[in-house]
C-alpha atoms as a PDB file:
ATOM      1  CA  MET A   1     -40.663  33.946  46.763  1.00  0.00           C
ATOM      2  CA  ILE A   2     -39.581  34.269  43.132  1.00  0.00           C
ATOM      3  CA  ASN A   3     -40.741  30.692  42.552  1.00  0.00           C
ATOM      4  CA  VAL A   4     -44.183  31.547  43.942  1.00  0.00           C
ATOM      5  CA  ILE A   5     -44.515  34.557  41.636  1.00  0.00           C
ATOM      6  CA  GLN A   6     -43.377  32.524  38.623  1.00  0.00           C
ATOM      7  CA  TYR A   7     -45.908  29.825  39.473  1.00  0.00           C
ATOM      8  CA  LEU A   8     -48.692  32.401  39.763  1.00  0.00           C
ATOM      9  CA  GLU A   9     -47.708  33.898  36.411  1.00  0.00           C
ATOM     10  CA  GLN A  10     -48.168  30.465  34.863  1.00  0.00           C
ATOM     11  CA  ASN A  11     -51.480  29.908  36.721  1.00  0.00           C
ATOM     12  CA  PRO A  12     -53.439  33.180  36.651  1.00  0.00           C
ATOM     13  CA  SER A  13     -56.626  31.469  37.818  1.00  0.00           C
ATOM     14  CA  LEU A  14     -54.923  30.904  41.164  1.00  0.00           C
ATOM     15  CA  VAL A  15     -54.319  34.660  41.476  1.00  0.00           C
ATOM     16  CA  THR A  16     -58.071  35.179  41.151  1.00  0.00           C
ATOM     17  CA  LEU A  17     -58.747  32.589  43.855  1.00  0.00           C
ATOM     18  CA  LEU A  18     -56.218  34.264  46.148  1.00  0.00           C
ATOM     19  CA  LYS A  19     -57.804  37.685  45.602  1.00  0.00           C
ATOM     20  CA  GLU A  20     -61.236  36.214  46.393  1.00  0.00           C
ATOM     21  CA  LYS A  21     -59.745  34.597  49.527  1.00  0.00           C
ATOM     22  CA  LYS A  22     -60.751  31.145  48.269  1.00  0.00           C
ATOM     23  CA  ALA A  23     -57.123  29.973  48.404  1.00  0.00           C
ATOM     24  CA  SER A  24     -54.042  30.788  50.443  1.00  0.00           C
ATOM     25  CA  LEU A  25     -50.298  30.479  50.171  1.00  0.00           C
ATOM     26  CA  ILE A  26     -48.973  28.211  52.904  1.00  0.00           C
ATOM     27  CA  GLY A  27     -45.721  29.455  54.378  1.00  0.00           C
ATOM     28  CA  ILE A  28     -46.252  33.004  53.094  1.00  0.00           C
ATOM     29  CA  SER A  29     -47.162  35.705  55.616  1.00  0.00           C
ATOM     30  CA  ALA A  30     -50.221  37.892  55.113  1.00  0.00           C
ATOM     31  CA  LEU A  31     -47.986  40.876  54.339  1.00  0.00           C
ATOM     32  CA  GLU A  32     -46.005  38.906  51.758  1.00  0.00           C
ATOM     33  CA  GLN A  33     -49.210  37.587  50.193  1.00  0.00           C
ATOM     34  CA  LYS A  34     -50.586  41.122  49.920  1.00  0.00           C
ATOM     35  CA  ALA A  35     -47.364  42.290  48.249  1.00  0.00           C
ATOM     36  CA  ILE A  36     -47.518  39.403  45.774  1.00  0.00           C
ATOM     37  CA  LEU A  37     -51.162  40.054  44.928  1.00  0.00           C
ATOM     38  CA  ASP A  38     -50.493  43.787  44.604  1.00  0.00           C
ATOM     39  CA  SER A  39     -47.841  42.975  42.023  1.00  0.00           C
ATOM     40  CA  PHE A  40     -50.537  41.290  39.915  1.00  0.00           C
ATOM     41  CA  ASP A  41     -52.954  44.203  40.304  1.00  0.00           C
ATOM     42  CA  GLU A  42     -53.459  45.915  36.944  1.00  0.00           C
ATOM     43  CA  ASP A  43     -54.554  49.157  38.592  1.00  0.00           C
ATOM     44  CA  ILE A  44     -51.158  49.983  40.090  1.00  0.00           C
ATOM     45  CA  CYS A  45     -50.232  53.493  39.062  1.00  0.00           C
ATOM     46  CA  LEU A  46     -46.552  54.286  38.716  1.00  0.00           C
ATOM     47  CA  GLU A  47     -47.001  57.847  37.454  1.00  0.00           C
ATOM     48  CA  SER A  48     -45.948  59.390  40.757  1.00  0.00           C
ATOM     49  CA  THR A  49     -42.727  57.384  40.948  1.00  0.00           C
ATOM     50  CA  ILE A  50     -39.577  59.423  40.506  1.00  0.00           C
ATOM     51  CA  TRP A  51     -36.760  57.648  38.696  1.00  0.00           C
ATOM     52  CA  TYR A  52     -33.168  58.790  39.162  1.00  0.00           C
END
């Protein structure tokens, strides 16, 4: 999965296509794809995370 994320980092236009459901990741489950796309979401808020 690391290779997929690295590839998407190098090809941000593909992230847009995935978010618009105009492309898919073969061999990646829907849950995994959602997690990957969430990692590219700029609106993720980490303020409520508690770090120990």
